[in-house]
Amino acid sequence: MLGTLLANLALVLLPGNRPLLLQAIYMLLLGLQTLFYSLAWLGKHLNEDSPLKRPLYVPTFLVDSNRAALLGFYGFFSGRQTAVWQRIARHKFMPEELISKE
């Protein structure tokens, strides 16, 4: 998402020999992307009982997921976080406990 935002900014702000129609399309796409990020920010900062919280869940979830992935990659490549998982003790499952005794 960050790369797309930077690419859209470059297409709009950097001069070039593009037809006006293409420039207008790039500006529209940048505006839509900015709107999407604004909706995600709004969804993040609304109260839980707000009626807008539910419709804004998708943009908020997508932006938060991408942010978490970037932080995870940064932690992995900087050596602060490893991808090694540790096993935890599990309780044994007893199917006869689920069967009701009559």
Protein backbone atom coordinates (compact mmCIF):
# COMPACT_ATOMS: atom_id res chain seq x y z
CA MET A 1 0.00 0.00 0.00
CA LEU A 2 2.85 2.35 0.79
CA GLY A 3 4.51 1.62 -2.55
CA THR A 4 1.27 2.32 -4.39
CA LEU A 5 0.84 5.60 -2.55
CA LEU A 6 4.39 6.69 -3.43
CA ALA A 7 3.92 5.66 -7.06
CA ASN A 8 0.65 7.60 -7.30
CA LEU A 9 2.26 10.65 -5.72
CA ALA A 10 5.14 10.46 -8.19
CA LEU A 11 2.77 10.17 -11.14
CA VAL A 12 0.80 13.21 -10.03
CA LEU A 13 3.61 15.45 -8.81
CA LEU A 14 6.46 14.75 -11.22
CA PRO A 15 6.25 16.54 -14.55
CA GLY A 16 6.21 14.53 -17.71
CA ASN A 17 4.83 14.31 -21.22
CA ARG A 18 1.53 12.71 -20.28
CA PRO A 19 -1.77 13.59 -21.88
CA LEU A 20 -4.18 15.53 -19.70
CA LEU A 21 -6.59 12.59 -19.54
CA LEU A 22 -3.91 10.35 -18.00
CA GLN A 23 -2.97 13.09 -15.53
CA ALA A 24 -6.64 13.39 -14.52
CA ILE A 25 -6.89 9.62 -14.04
CA TYR A 26 -3.76 9.61 -11.85
CA MET A 27 -5.17 12.46 -9.76
CA LEU A 28 -8.47 10.58 -9.39
CA LEU A 29 -6.66 7.42 -8.28
CA LEU A 30 -4.59 9.36 -5.76
CA GLY A 31 -7.75 11.00 -4.44
CA LEU A 32 -9.49 7.63 -4.06
CA GLN A 33 -6.47 6.17 -2.29
CA THR A 34 -6.34 9.15 0.06
CA LEU A 35 -10.06 8.69 0.75
CA PHE A 36 -9.46 5.01 1.54
CA TYR A 37 -6.68 5.84 4.01
CA SER A 38 -8.86 8.56 5.56
CA LEU A 39 -11.71 6.07 6.04
CA ALA A 40 -9.28 3.63 7.66
CA TRP A 41 -8.04 6.34 10.01
CA LEU A 42 -11.60 7.31 10.87
CA GLY A 43 -12.54 3.67 11.51
CA LYS A 44 -9.58 3.32 13.85
CA HIS A 45 -10.53 6.37 15.92
CA LEU A 46 -14.32 5.90 16.21
CA ASN A 47 -16.02 4.71 19.38
CA GLU A 48 -17.15 1.09 19.48
CA ASP A 49 -20.83 2.08 19.63
CA SER A 50 -20.67 4.30 16.54
CA PRO A 51 -22.91 3.21 13.64
CA LEU A 52 -20.04 3.90 11.21
CA LYS A 53 -17.68 1.45 12.92
CA ARG A 54 -19.01 -1.58 11.06
CA PRO A 55 -18.83 -0.21 7.47
CA LEU A 56 -15.33 1.15 8.11
CA TYR A 57 -14.06 -2.21 9.35
CA VAL A 58 -12.73 -3.35 5.94
CA PRO A 59 -10.45 -0.36 5.19
CA THR A 60 -9.26 -0.32 8.80
CA PHE A 61 -8.52 -4.04 8.73
CA LEU A 62 -6.63 -3.88 5.43
CA VAL A 63 -4.46 -0.94 6.47
CA ASP A 64 -3.76 -2.48 9.90
CA SER A 65 -2.87 -5.83 8.32
CA ASN A 66 -0.43 -4.23 5.90
CA ARG A 67 1.08 -2.19 8.72
CA ALA A 68 1.54 -5.32 10.84
CA ALA A 69 3.17 -7.14 7.92
CA LEU A 70 5.62 -4.27 7.38
CA LEU A 71 6.48 -4.19 11.10
CA GLY A 72 6.94 -7.98 11.05
CA PHE A 73 9.29 -7.83 8.05
CA TYR A 74 11.24 -5.04 9.70
CA GLY A 75 11.56 -7.01 12.92
CA PHE A 76 12.64 -10.15 11.07
CA PHE A 77 15.20 -8.49 8.80
CA SER A 78 16.65 -6.33 11.58
CA GLY A 79 17.19 -9.43 13.73
CA ARG A 80 14.91 -8.29 16.53
CA GLN A 81 12.37 -11.01 15.88
CA THR A 82 12.84 -14.56 14.70
CA ALA A 83 10.40 -16.82 12.97
CA VAL A 84 11.03 -19.65 15.43
CA TRP A 85 7.93 -20.85 17.22
CA GLN A 86 8.00 -22.47 20.62
CA ARG A 87 5.77 -25.39 21.48
CA ILE A 88 3.39 -25.10 24.38
CA ALA A 89 2.02 -27.83 26.60
CA ARG A 90 -1.39 -29.06 25.52
CA HIS A 91 -4.06 -30.86 27.47
CA LYS A 92 -4.91 -34.33 26.28
CA PHE A 93 -8.31 -34.56 24.66
CA MET A 94 -10.55 -37.17 26.19
CA PRO A 95 -13.51 -37.97 23.93
CA GLU A 96 -15.29 -39.97 26.63
CA GLU A 97 -15.64 -36.78 28.67
CA LEU A 98 -17.86 -35.39 25.94
CA ILE A 99 -20.24 -38.34 25.98
CA SER A 100 -23.02 -37.85 28.50
CA LYS A 101 -23.46 -40.71 30.94
CA GLU A 102 -27.02 -41.88 31.42
